[in-house]
PDB file of N, CA and C in Angstrom:
ATOM      1  N   MET A   1      16.120   3.630  -7.808  1.00  0.00           N
ATOM      2  CA  MET A   1      14.876   4.176  -7.011  1.00  0.00           C
ATOM      3  C   MET A   1      15.254   4.150  -5.492  1.00  0.00           C
ATOM      4  N   THR A   2      14.915   5.144  -4.967  1.00  0.00           N
ATOM      5  CA  THR A   2      15.259   5.427  -3.551  1.00  0.00           C
ATOM      6  C   THR A   2      14.174   4.880  -2.577  1.00  0.00           C
ATOM      7  N   ASN A   3      14.595   4.855  -1.070  1.00  0.00           N
ATOM      8  CA  ASN A   3      13.951   4.371  -0.147  1.00  0.00           C
ATOM      9  C   ASN A   3      14.866   4.557   1.014  1.00  0.00           C
ATOM     10  N   THR A   4      13.955   4.386   2.222  1.00  0.00           N
ATOM     11  CA  THR A   4      14.827   4.439   3.487  1.00  0.00           C
ATOM     12  C   THR A   4      15.033   3.200   4.120  1.00  0.00           C
ATOM     13  N   ASP A   5      14.888   1.941   3.037  1.00  0.00           N
ATOM     14  CA  ASP A   5      15.062   0.766   3.575  1.00  0.00           C
ATOM     15  C   ASP A   5      16.449   0.392   3.637  1.00  0.00           C
ATOM     16  N   PRO A   6      16.982  -0.198   4.294  1.00  0.00           N
ATOM     17  CA  PRO A   6      18.634  -0.687   4.227  1.00  0.00           C
ATOM     18  C   PRO A   6      19.001  -1.375   2.724  1.00  0.00           C
ATOM     19  N   GLY A   7      19.867  -0.819   2.169  1.00  0.00           N
ATOM     20  CA  GLY A   7      20.084  -1.730   1.016  1.00  0.00           C
ATOM     21  C   GLY A   7      19.186  -1.091  -0.135  1.00  0.00           C
ATOM     22  N   TRP A   8      18.405  -0.088   0.033  1.00  0.00           N
ATOM     23  CA  TRP A   8      17.529   0.104  -1.211  1.00  0.00           C
ATOM     24  C   TRP A   8      18.378   1.675  -1.875  1.00  0.00           C
ATOM     25  N   ALA A   9      18.430   2.417  -0.831  1.00  0.00           N
ATOM     26  CA  ALA A   9      19.220   3.791  -1.316  1.00  0.00           C
ATOM     27  C   ALA A   9      20.540   3.647  -0.971  1.00  0.00           C
ATOM     28  N   PRO A  10      21.420   3.683  -2.102  1.00  0.00           N
ATOM     29  CA  PRO A  10      22.640   3.808  -1.849  1.00  0.00           C
ATOM     30  C   PRO A  10      23.191   5.101  -1.257  1.00  0.00           C
ATOM     31  N   ASP A  11      24.382   5.016  -0.589  1.00  0.00           N
ATOM     32  CA  ASP A  11      25.048   6.327  -0.321  1.00  0.00           C
ATOM     33  C   ASP A  11      25.158   7.155  -1.280  1.00  0.00           C
ATOM     34  N   SER A  12      25.416   6.865  -2.426  1.00  0.00           N
ATOM     35  CA  SER A  12      25.627   7.878  -3.430  1.00  0.00           C
ATOM     36  C   SER A  12      24.206   8.473  -3.890  1.00  0.00           C
ATOM     37  N   CYS A  13      23.165   8.155  -3.394  1.00  0.00           N
ATOM     38  CA  CYS A  13      21.825   8.719  -3.401  1.00  0.00           C
ATOM     39  C   CYS A  13      21.952  10.356  -3.291  1.00  0.00           C
ATOM     40  N   THR A  14      21.576  11.183  -4.147  1.00  0.00           N
ATOM     41  CA  THR A  14      21.438  12.507  -3.910  1.00  0.00           C
ATOM     42  C   THR A  14      20.145  13.153  -3.422  1.00  0.00           C
ATOM     43  N   LEU A  15      19.091  12.240  -3.613  1.00  0.00           N
ATOM     44  CA  LEU A  15      17.688  12.771  -3.301  1.00  0.00           C
ATOM     45  C   LEU A  15      17.675  13.146  -1.894  1.00  0.00           C
ATOM     46  N   PRO A  16      17.242  14.235  -1.469  1.00  0.00           N
ATOM     47  CA  PRO A  16      17.064  14.475  -0.087  1.00  0.00           C
ATOM     48  C   PRO A  16      16.249  13.287   0.650  1.00  0.00           C
ATOM     49  N   THR A  17      16.566  12.989   1.854  1.00  0.00           N
ATOM     50  CA  THR A  17      15.947  11.945   2.564  1.00  0.00           C
ATOM     51  C   THR A  17      14.599  12.349   2.748  1.00  0.00           C
ATOM     52  N   VAL A  18      14.190  13.437   3.174  1.00  0.00           N
ATOM     53  CA  VAL A  18      12.775  13.679   3.244  1.00  0.00           C
ATOM     54  C   VAL A  18      12.021  13.448   2.131  1.00  0.00           C
ATOM     55  N   GLU A  19      12.482  13.504   0.836  1.00  0.00           N
ATOM     56  CA  GLU A  19      11.935  13.186  -0.706  1.00  0.00           C
ATOM     57  C   GLU A  19      11.743  11.867  -0.879  1.00  0.00           C
ATOM     58  N   GLN A  20      12.688  11.224  -0.477  1.00  0.00           N
ATOM     59  CA  GLN A  20      12.635   9.649  -0.804  1.00  0.00           C
ATOM     60  C   GLN A  20      11.256   8.848  -0.841  1.00  0.00           C
ATOM     61  N   PRO A  21      10.668   8.996   0.474  1.00  0.00           N
ATOM     62  CA  PRO A  21       9.295   8.261   0.227  1.00  0.00           C
ATOM     63  C   PRO A  21       8.285   8.772  -0.716  1.00  0.00           C
ATOM     64  N   LEU A  22       8.641   9.819  -0.973  1.00  0.00           N
ATOM     65  CA  LEU A  22       7.483  10.423  -2.067  1.00  0.00           C
ATOM     66  C   LEU A  22       7.853   9.728  -3.332  1.00  0.00           C
ATOM     67  N   ARG A  23       9.251   9.809  -3.651  1.00  0.00           N
ATOM     68  CA  ARG A  23       9.522   9.159  -4.862  1.00  0.00           C
ATOM     69  C   ARG A  23       9.160   7.681  -4.939  1.00  0.00           C
ATOM     70  N   VAL A  24       9.288   6.868  -4.097  1.00  0.00           N
ATOM     71  CA  VAL A  24       8.939   5.684  -3.711  1.00  0.00           C
ATOM     72  C   VAL A  24       7.442   5.602  -4.061  1.00  0.00           C
ATOM     73  N   ALA A  25       6.762   6.275  -3.637  1.00  0.00           N
ATOM     74  CA  ALA A  25       5.275   6.341  -3.783  1.00  0.00           C
ATOM     75  C   ALA A  25       4.866   6.381  -5.077  1.00  0.00           C
ATOM     76  N   GLU A  26       5.558   7.338  -5.907  1.00  0.00           N
ATOM     77  CA  GLU A  26       5.346   7.641  -7.247  1.00  0.00           C
ATOM     78  C   GLU A  26       5.739   6.459  -8.263  1.00  0.00           C
ATOM     79  N   PHE A  27       6.921   5.793  -7.818  1.00  0.00           N
ATOM     80  CA  PHE A  27       6.978   4.446  -8.521  1.00  0.00           C
ATOM     81  C   PHE A  27       6.005   3.420  -8.110  1.00  0.00           C
ATOM     82  N   ASP A  28       5.720   3.258  -6.870  1.00  0.00           N
ATOM     83  CA  ASP A  28       4.684   2.378  -6.473  1.00  0.00           C
ATOM     84  C   ASP A  28       3.435   2.657  -7.053  1.00  0.00           C
ATOM     85  N   ALA A  29       3.065   3.883  -7.503  1.00  0.00           N
ATOM     86  CA  ALA A  29       1.793   4.025  -8.016  1.00  0.00           C
ATOM     87  C   ALA A  29       1.747   3.860  -9.619  1.00  0.00           C
ATOM     88  N   LEU A  30       2.961   3.995 -10.121  1.00  0.00           N
ATOM     89  CA  LEU A  30       3.162   3.467 -11.688  1.00  0.00           C
ATOM     90  C   LEU A  30       3.005   2.123 -11.701  1.00  0.00           C
ATOM     91  N   PHE A  31       3.840   1.313 -10.692  1.00  0.00           N
ATOM     92  CA  PHE A  31       3.892  -0.144 -10.926  1.00  0.00           C
ATOM     93  C   PHE A  31       2.380  -0.876 -10.622  1.00  0.00           C
ATOM     94  N   ALA A  32       1.656  -0.055  -9.569  1.00  0.00           N
ATOM     95  CA  ALA A  32       0.196  -0.645  -9.318  1.00  0.00           C
ATOM     96  C   ALA A  32      -0.482  -0.289 -10.359  1.00  0.00           C
ATOM     97  N   ASP A  33      -0.387   0.845 -11.219  1.00  0.00           N
ATOM     98  CA  ASP A  33      -1.406   1.160 -12.204  1.00  0.00           C
ATOM     99  C   ASP A  33      -1.126   0.504 -13.528  1.00  0.00           C
ATOM    100  N   ALA A  34      -0.028   0.440 -13.707  1.00  0.00           N
ATOM    101  CA  ALA A  34       0.463  -0.043 -15.212  1.00  0.00           C
ATOM    102  C   ALA A  34       1.519  -1.206 -15.455  1.00  0.00           C
ATOM    103  N   LEU A  35       2.004  -1.767 -14.404  1.00  0.00           N
ATOM    104  CA  LEU A  35       3.050  -2.900 -14.637  1.00  0.00           C
ATOM    105  C   LEU A  35       2.280  -4.071 -14.952  1.00  0.00           C
ATOM    106  N   ARG A  36       2.535  -4.517 -16.112  1.00  0.00           N
ATOM    107  CA  ARG A  36       1.699  -5.868 -16.853  1.00  0.00           C
ATOM    108  C   ARG A  36       2.560  -6.925 -16.527  1.00  0.00           C
ATOM    109  N   SER A  37       3.943  -6.999 -16.826  1.00  0.00           N
ATOM    110  CA  SER A  37       4.952  -8.121 -16.352  1.00  0.00           C
ATOM    111  C   SER A  37       6.468  -7.515 -16.229  1.00  0.00           C
ATOM    112  N   VAL A  38       7.363  -8.557 -15.626  1.00  0.00           N
ATOM    113  CA  VAL A  38       8.766  -8.153 -15.338  1.00  0.00           C
ATOM    114  C   VAL A  38       9.463  -9.355 -16.075  1.00  0.00           C
ATOM    115  N   GLU A  39      10.467  -9.101 -16.721  1.00  0.00           N
ATOM    116  CA  GLU A  39      11.344 -10.151 -17.346  1.00  0.00           C
ATOM    117  C   GLU A  39      12.710  -9.612 -16.690  1.00  0.00           C
ATOM    118  N   ARG A  40      13.257 -10.691 -15.857  1.00  0.00           N
ATOM    119  CA  ARG A  40      14.668 -10.197 -15.555  1.00  0.00           C
ATOM    120  C   ARG A  40      15.600 -10.900 -16.856  1.00  0.00           C
ATOM    121  N   VAL A  41      16.166  -9.916 -17.492  1.00  0.00           N
ATOM    122  CA  VAL A  41      17.240 -10.117 -18.669  1.00  0.00           C
ATOM    123  C   VAL A  41      18.484 -10.945 -17.922  1.00  0.00           C
ATOM    124  N   ASP A  42      19.055 -10.178 -17.003  1.00  0.00           N
ATOM    125  CA  ASP A  42      20.212 -10.811 -16.505  1.00  0.00           C
ATOM    126  C   ASP A  42      20.332 -10.011 -15.285  1.00  0.00           C
ATOM    127  N   ALA A  43      21.673 -10.446 -14.516  1.00  0.00           N
ATOM    128  CA  ALA A  43      21.884  -9.845 -13.143  1.00  0.00           C
ATOM    129  C   ALA A  43      21.609  -8.413 -13.012  1.00  0.00           C
ATOM    130  N   VAL A  44      21.953  -7.706 -13.971  1.00  0.00           N
ATOM    131  CA  VAL A  44      21.996  -6.125 -14.175  1.00  0.00           C
ATOM    132  C   VAL A  44      20.952  -5.536 -14.976  1.00  0.00           C
ATOM    133  N   THR A  45      20.040  -6.185 -15.355  1.00  0.00           N
ATOM    134  CA  THR A  45      18.973  -5.772 -16.469  1.00  0.00           C
ATOM    135  C   THR A  45      17.625  -6.416 -16.094  1.00  0.00           C
ATOM    136  N   ALA A  46      16.603  -5.552 -16.053  1.00  0.00           N
ATOM    137  CA  ALA A  46      15.242  -5.896 -15.946  1.00  0.00           C
ATOM    138  C   ALA A  46      14.595  -5.171 -16.867  1.00  0.00           C
ATOM    139  N   ARG A  47      13.328  -5.792 -17.546  1.00  0.00           N
ATOM    140  CA  ARG A  47      12.490  -5.090 -18.689  1.00  0.00           C
ATOM    141  C   ARG A  47      11.138  -5.158 -18.037  1.00  0.00           C
ATOM    142  N   LEU A  48      10.691  -4.014 -17.727  1.00  0.00           N
ATOM    143  CA  LEU A  48       9.259  -3.920 -17.194  1.00  0.00           C
ATOM    144  C   LEU A  48       8.304  -3.422 -18.271  1.00  0.00           C
ATOM    145  N   ILE A  49       7.091  -4.428 -18.410  1.00  0.00           N
ATOM    146  CA  ILE A  49       6.342  -3.905 -19.588  1.00  0.00           C
ATOM    147  C   ILE A  49       5.087  -3.159 -18.840  1.00  0.00           C
ATOM    148  N   LEU A  50       4.990  -2.221 -19.264  1.00  0.00           N
ATOM    149  CA  LEU A  50       3.955  -1.305 -18.534  1.00  0.00           C
ATOM    150  C   LEU A  50       2.658  -0.933 -19.665  1.00  0.00           C
ATOM    151  N   ALA A  51       1.572  -0.576 -19.321  1.00  0.00           N
ATOM    152  CA  ALA A  51       0.664  -0.139 -20.200  1.00  0.00           C
ATOM    153  C   ALA A  51       0.824   1.058 -20.966  1.00  0.00           C
ATOM    154  N   GLY A  52       0.605   1.370 -22.034  1.00  0.00           N
ATOM    155  CA  GLY A  52       1.188   2.264 -23.103  1.00  0.00           C
ATOM    156  C   GLY A  52       1.005   3.754 -22.421  1.00  0.00           C
ATOM    157  N   GLU A  53      -0.347   3.783 -21.627  1.00  0.00           N
ATOM    158  CA  GLU A  53      -0.499   5.376 -21.363  1.00  0.00           C
ATOM    159  C   GLU A  53       0.443   5.649 -20.419  1.00  0.00           C
ATOM    160  N   ALA A  54       1.229   4.803 -19.767  1.00  0.00           N
ATOM    161  CA  ALA A  54       2.017   5.277 -18.590  1.00  0.00           C
ATOM    162  C   ALA A  54       3.662   5.578 -19.264  1.00  0.00           C
ATOM    163  N   ALA A  55       3.683   5.658 -20.558  1.00  0.00           N
ATOM    164  CA  ALA A  55       4.968   6.184 -21.086  1.00  0.00           C
ATOM    165  C   ALA A  55       5.339   7.495 -20.584  1.00  0.00           C
ATOM    166  N   GLY A  56       4.707   8.644 -20.744  1.00  0.00           N
ATOM    167  CA  GLY A  56       5.030   9.667 -20.015  1.00  0.00           C
ATOM    168  C   GLY A  56       5.450   9.567 -18.634  1.00  0.00           C
ATOM    169  N   THR A  57       4.843   8.962 -17.877  1.00  0.00           N
ATOM    170  CA  THR A  57       5.143   8.992 -16.500  1.00  0.00           C
ATOM    171  C   THR A  57       6.290   8.237 -16.090  1.00  0.00           C
ATOM    172  N   ALA A  58       6.488   6.991 -17.027  1.00  0.00           N
ATOM    173  CA  ALA A  58       7.657   6.392 -16.843  1.00  0.00           C
ATOM    174  C   ALA A  58       8.996   6.988 -17.105  1.00  0.00           C
ATOM    175  N   ARG A  59       8.941   7.953 -18.427  1.00  0.00           N
ATOM    176  CA  ARG A  59       9.965   8.687 -18.679  1.00  0.00           C
ATOM    177  C   ARG A  59      10.372   9.773 -17.833  1.00  0.00           C
ATOM    178  N   ASP A  60       9.213  10.316 -17.042  1.00  0.00           N
ATOM    179  CA  ASP A  60       9.534  11.367 -16.333  1.00  0.00           C
ATOM    180  C   ASP A  60      10.186  11.061 -14.972  1.00  0.00           C
ATOM    181  N   LEU A  61       9.664   9.629 -14.548  1.00  0.00           N
ATOM    182  CA  LEU A  61      10.321   9.208 -13.365  1.00  0.00           C
ATOM    183  C   LEU A  61      11.603   8.795 -13.672  1.00  0.00           C
ATOM    184  N   ALA A  62      11.776   8.005 -14.493  1.00  0.00           N
ATOM    185  CA  ALA A  62      13.153   7.681 -14.986  1.00  0.00           C
ATOM    186  C   ALA A  62      14.213   8.811 -15.152  1.00  0.00           C
ATOM    187  N   ALA A  63      13.693   9.890 -15.631  1.00  0.00           N
ATOM    188  CA  ALA A  63      14.857  10.928 -15.719  1.00  0.00           C
ATOM    189  C   ALA A  63      14.987  11.566 -14.367  1.00  0.00           C
ATOM    190  N   ARG A  64      14.187  11.767 -13.477  1.00  0.00           N
ATOM    191  CA  ARG A  64      14.302  12.277 -12.125  1.00  0.00           C
ATOM    192  C   ARG A  64      15.079  11.412 -11.396  1.00  0.00           C
ATOM    193  N   GLU A  65      15.029   9.911 -11.456  1.00  0.00           N
ATOM    194  CA  GLU A  65      15.766   8.936 -10.762  1.00  0.00           C
ATOM    195  C   GLU A  65      17.169   9.114 -11.048  1.00  0.00           C
ATOM    196  N   VAL A  66      17.428   9.348 -12.286  1.00  0.00           N
ATOM    197  CA  VAL A  66      18.952   9.481 -12.951  1.00  0.00           C
ATOM    198  C   VAL A  66      19.514  10.399 -12.144  1.00  0.00           C
ATOM    199  N   GLU A  67      18.896  11.737 -12.084  1.00  0.00           N
ATOM    200  CA  GLU A  67      19.302  12.835 -11.363  1.00  0.00           C
ATOM    201  C   GLU A  67      20.101  12.349 -10.086  1.00  0.00           C
ATOM    202  N   CYS A  68      19.321  11.656  -9.286  1.00  0.00           N
ATOM    203  CA  CYS A  68      19.927  11.354  -8.053  1.00  0.00           C
ATOM    204  C   CYS A  68      20.782  10.191  -7.668  1.00  0.00           C
ATOM    205  N   CYS A  69      20.467   9.300  -8.644  1.00  0.00           N
ATOM    206  CA  CYS A  69      21.040   7.888  -8.787  1.00  0.00           C
ATOM    207  C   CYS A  69      21.582   7.648 -10.139  1.00  0.00           C
ATOM    208  N   SER A  70      22.736   8.210 -10.225  1.00  0.00           N
ATOM    209  CA  SER A  70      23.135   8.365 -11.682  1.00  0.00           C
ATOM    210  C   SER A  70      23.611   6.859 -12.400  1.00  0.00           C
ATOM    211  N   PHE A  71      23.697   5.893 -11.510  1.00  0.00           N
ATOM    212  CA  PHE A  71      24.023   4.645 -11.749  1.00  0.00           C
ATOM    213  C   PHE A  71      23.034   3.981 -12.588  1.00  0.00           C
ATOM    214  N   PHE A  72      21.732   4.603 -12.512  1.00  0.00           N
ATOM    215  CA  PHE A  72      20.720   3.682 -13.300  1.00  0.00           C
ATOM    216  C   PHE A  72      20.773   4.005 -14.502  1.00  0.00           C
ATOM    217  N   ARG A  73      20.272   3.134 -15.521  1.00  0.00           N
ATOM    218  CA  ARG A  73      20.234   3.249 -16.889  1.00  0.00           C
ATOM    219  C   ARG A  73      18.602   3.022 -17.244  1.00  0.00           C
ATOM    220  N   PHE A  74      17.894   4.064 -17.948  1.00  0.00           N
ATOM    221  CA  PHE A  74      16.525   3.481 -18.085  1.00  0.00           C
ATOM    222  C   PHE A  74      16.337   3.771 -19.748  1.00  0.00           C
ATOM    223  N   GLU A  75      15.767   2.938 -20.460  1.00  0.00           N
ATOM    224  CA  GLU A  75      15.090   3.030 -21.818  1.00  0.00           C
ATOM    225  C   GLU A  75      13.722   2.698 -21.974  1.00  0.00           C
ATOM    226  N   VAL A  76      13.212   3.317 -22.613  1.00  0.00           N
ATOM    227  CA  VAL A  76      11.616   3.090 -22.811  1.00  0.00           C
ATOM    228  C   VAL A  76      11.639   3.051 -24.424  1.00  0.00           C
ATOM    229  N   ASP A  77      10.904   1.829 -24.526  1.00  0.00           N
ATOM    230  CA  ASP A  77      10.655   1.436 -26.000  1.00  0.00           C
ATOM    231  C   ASP A  77       9.160   0.825 -26.063  1.00  0.00           C
ATOM    232  N   ALA A  78       8.834   0.647 -27.475  1.00  0.00           N
ATOM    233  CA  ALA A  78       7.750   0.021 -27.763  1.00  0.00           C
ATOM    234  C   ALA A  78       7.641  -1.422 -27.371  1.00  0.00           C
ATOM    235  N   ALA A  79       6.767  -2.079 -26.811  1.00  0.00           N
ATOM    236  CA  ALA A  79       6.606  -3.453 -26.362  1.00  0.00           C
ATOM    237  C   ALA A  79       6.026  -4.309 -27.688  1.00  0.00           C
ATOM    238  N   ASP A  80       4.691  -3.872 -27.432  1.00  0.00           N
ATOM    239  CA  ASP A  80       3.712  -4.324 -28.424  1.00  0.00           C
ATOM    240  C   ASP A  80       2.657  -3.547 -28.378  1.00  0.00           C
ATOM    241  N   PRO A  81       1.525  -3.441 -29.268  1.00  0.00           N
ATOM    242  CA  PRO A  81       0.379  -2.452 -29.241  1.00  0.00           C
ATOM    243  C   PRO A  81       0.024  -2.337 -27.768  1.00  0.00           C
ATOM    244  N   GLY A  82      -0.169  -0.970 -27.361  1.00  0.00           N
ATOM    245  CA  GLY A  82      -0.662  -0.589 -26.049  1.00  0.00           C
ATOM    246  C   GLY A  82       0.239  -0.838 -24.839  1.00  0.00           C
ATOM    247  N   ARG A  83       1.396  -1.280 -25.268  1.00  0.00           N
ATOM    248  CA  ARG A  83       2.399  -1.670 -24.021  1.00  0.00           C
ATOM    249  C   ARG A  83       3.796  -0.794 -24.561  1.00  0.00           C
ATOM    250  N   ILE A  84       4.283  -0.452 -23.288  1.00  0.00           N
ATOM    251  CA  ILE A  84       5.650  -0.106 -23.418  1.00  0.00           C
ATOM    252  C   ILE A  84       6.676  -0.994 -22.683  1.00  0.00           C
ATOM    253  N   GLY A  85       7.921  -0.979 -23.048  1.00  0.00           N
ATOM    254  CA  GLY A  85       8.991  -1.528 -22.168  1.00  0.00           C
ATOM    255  C   GLY A  85       9.764  -0.687 -21.408  1.00  0.00           C
ATOM    256  N   LEU A  86      10.202  -0.382 -20.112  1.00  0.00           N
ATOM    257  CA  LEU A  86      10.987   0.095 -19.463  1.00  0.00           C
ATOM    258  C   LEU A  86      12.161  -0.886 -18.960  1.00  0.00           C
ATOM    259  N   LEU A  87      13.201  -0.512 -19.916  1.00  0.00           N
ATOM    260  CA  LEU A  87      14.479  -1.685 -19.646  1.00  0.00           C
ATOM    261  C   LEU A  87      15.316  -0.692 -18.183  1.00  0.00           C
ATOM    262  N   VAL A  88      15.584  -1.242 -17.307  1.00  0.00           N
ATOM    263  CA  VAL A  88      16.144  -0.860 -16.340  1.00  0.00           C
ATOM    264  C   VAL A  88      17.693  -1.349 -15.941  1.00  0.00           C
ATOM    265  N   SER A  89      18.846  -1.034 -16.125  1.00  0.00           N
ATOM    266  CA  SER A  89      19.941  -1.685 -15.836  1.00  0.00           C
ATOM    267  C   SER A  89      20.919  -0.707 -14.978  1.00  0.00           C
ATOM    268  N   VAL A  90      21.576  -1.407 -14.275  1.00  0.00           N
ATOM    269  CA  VAL A  90      22.488  -0.847 -13.182  1.00  0.00           C
ATOM    270  C   VAL A  90      23.995  -1.818 -13.323  1.00  0.00           C
ATOM    271  N   PRO A  91      25.135  -1.153 -12.880  1.00  0.00           N
ATOM    272  CA  PRO A  91      26.527  -1.654 -12.954  1.00  0.00           C
ATOM    273  C   PRO A  91      26.310  -2.877 -12.159  1.00  0.00           C
ATOM    274  N   PRO A  92      27.233  -3.753 -12.087  1.00  0.00           N
ATOM    275  CA  PRO A  92      27.257  -5.091 -11.299  1.00  0.00           C
ATOM    276  C   PRO A  92      27.352  -4.598  -9.553  1.00  0.00           C
ATOM    277  N   ALA A  93      27.902  -3.689  -9.403  1.00  0.00           N
ATOM    278  CA  ALA A  93      28.033  -3.520  -7.886  1.00  0.00           C
ATOM    279  C   ALA A  93      26.756  -2.788  -7.478  1.00  0.00           C
ATOM    280  N   ARG A  94      25.750  -2.689  -8.355  1.00  0.00           N
ATOM    281  CA  ARG A  94      24.307  -2.099  -7.896  1.00  0.00           C
ATOM    282  C   ARG A  94      23.449  -3.165  -8.192  1.00  0.00           C
ATOM    283  N   ALA A  95      23.748  -4.455  -8.373  1.00  0.00           N
ATOM    284  CA  ALA A  95      22.808  -5.407  -8.640  1.00  0.00           C
ATOM    285  C   ALA A  95      21.666  -5.683  -7.513  1.00  0.00           C
ATOM    286  N   ALA A  96      22.267  -5.501  -6.392  1.00  0.00           N
ATOM    287  CA  ALA A  96      21.144  -5.505  -5.150  1.00  0.00           C
ATOM    288  C   ALA A  96      20.184  -4.483  -5.384  1.00  0.00           C
ATOM    289  N   VAL A  97      20.497  -3.487  -5.847  1.00  0.00           N
ATOM    290  CA  VAL A  97      19.418  -2.293  -5.968  1.00  0.00           C
ATOM    291  C   VAL A  97      18.407  -2.651  -6.904  1.00  0.00           C
ATOM    292  N   LEU A  98      18.850  -3.193  -8.228  1.00  0.00           N
ATOM    293  CA  LEU A  98      17.807  -3.753  -9.259  1.00  0.00           C
ATOM    294  C   LEU A  98      17.093  -4.837  -8.471  1.00  0.00           C
ATOM    295  N   ASP A  99      17.742  -5.768  -7.716  1.00  0.00           N
ATOM    296  CA  ASP A  99      16.805  -6.791  -6.878  1.00  0.00           C
ATOM    297  C   ASP A  99      15.790  -6.102  -6.415  1.00  0.00           C
ATOM    298  N   ALA A 100      15.888  -5.099  -5.552  1.00  0.00           N
ATOM    299  CA  ALA A 100      14.956  -4.420  -4.820  1.00  0.00           C
ATOM    300  C   ALA A 100      13.892  -3.793  -5.524  1.00  0.00           C
ATOM    301  N   VAL A 101      14.452  -3.092  -6.379  1.00  0.00           N
ATOM    302  CA  VAL A 101      13.514  -2.570  -7.435  1.00  0.00           C
ATOM    303  C   VAL A 101      12.261  -3.479  -8.220  1.00  0.00           C
ATOM    304  N   VAL A 102      12.859  -4.669  -8.580  1.00  0.00           N
ATOM    305  CA  VAL A 102      12.172  -5.766  -8.932  1.00  0.00           C
ATOM    306  C   VAL A 102      11.269  -6.277  -7.983  1.00  0.00           C
ATOM    307  N   THR A 103      11.690  -6.609  -7.031  1.00  0.00           N
ATOM    308  CA  THR A 103      10.694  -7.235  -5.958  1.00  0.00           C
ATOM    309  C   THR A 103       9.770  -6.054  -5.405  1.00  0.00           C
ATOM    310  N   ARG A 104      10.051  -4.819  -5.374  1.00  0.00           N
ATOM    311  CA  ARG A 104       9.057  -3.718  -5.113  1.00  0.00           C
ATOM    312  C   ARG A 104       8.123  -3.522  -6.076  1.00  0.00           C
ATOM    313  N   ALA A 105       8.523  -3.666  -7.504  1.00  0.00           N
ATOM    314  CA  ALA A 105       7.422  -3.637  -8.390  1.00  0.00           C
ATOM    315  C   ALA A 105       6.460  -4.735  -8.855  1.00  0.00           C
ATOM    316  N   VAL A 106       7.059  -5.962  -8.343  1.00  0.00           N
ATOM    317  CA  VAL A 106       6.172  -6.965  -8.544  1.00  0.00           C
ATOM    318  C   VAL A 106       5.235  -7.162  -7.462  1.00  0.00           C
ATOM    319  N   ALA A 107       5.483  -6.692  -6.272  1.00  0.00           N
ATOM    320  CA  ALA A 107       4.515  -6.531  -4.953  1.00  0.00           C
ATOM    321  C   ALA A 107       3.516  -5.426  -5.200  1.00  0.00           C
ATOM    322  N   ALA A 108       4.023  -4.249  -5.698  1.00  0.00           N
ATOM    323  CA  ALA A 108       3.208  -3.084  -5.813  1.00  0.00           C
ATOM    324  C   ALA A 108       2.065  -3.443  -6.749  1.00  0.00           C
ATOM    325  N   ALA A 109       2.667  -4.107  -8.090  1.00  0.00           N
ATOM    326  CA  ALA A 109       1.617  -4.422  -9.068  1.00  0.00           C
ATOM    327  C   ALA A 109       0.687  -5.717  -8.661  1.00  0.00           C
ATOM    328  N   GLY A 110       1.046  -6.505  -7.753  1.00  0.00           N
ATOM    329  CA  GLY A 110       0.430  -7.610  -7.237  1.00  0.00           C
ATOM    330  C   GLY A 110       0.586  -9.046  -8.218  1.00  0.00           C
ATOM    331  N   LEU A 111       1.747  -8.724  -8.738  1.00  0.00           N
ATOM    332  CA  LEU A 111       2.138  -9.775  -9.800  1.00  0.00           C
ATOM    333  C   LEU A 111       2.681 -11.156  -9.119  1.00  0.00           C
ATOM    334  N   ALA A 112       2.618 -12.284  -9.642  1.00  0.00           N
ATOM    335  CA  ALA A 112       3.144 -13.413  -8.832  1.00  0.00           C
ATOM    336  C   ALA A 112       4.729 -13.247  -9.099  1.00  0.00           C
ATOM    337  N   GLY A 113       5.404 -13.443  -7.957  1.00  0.00           N
ATOM    338  CA  GLY A 113       6.838 -13.269  -7.983  1.00  0.00           C
ATOM    339  C   GLY A 113       7.459 -14.402  -8.343  1.00  0.00           C
TER     340      GLY A 113
END
């Protein structure tokens, strides 16, 4: 996920700088509307549980994010009835970016961190 904050958008991100705040806003809206919980699987993997109706939005955002930050890996799966899991993983060298994603998701959703 991109952002203009230091440490958030790595140099390898190809999303034009002017578009980065818009992408962040899209993720913030997804998290605020649909994020139910976050499980940190390990240092390079997190599982975000989202409301089931957010599956299309999650898939769309994940696909567009991989286009500009190819180090991300996203998988969408069924979590339980009415919910989906969004598994987000990065290579070890990008663990700080995943930390920032998780922190931002928790804050946007108003979850206890």
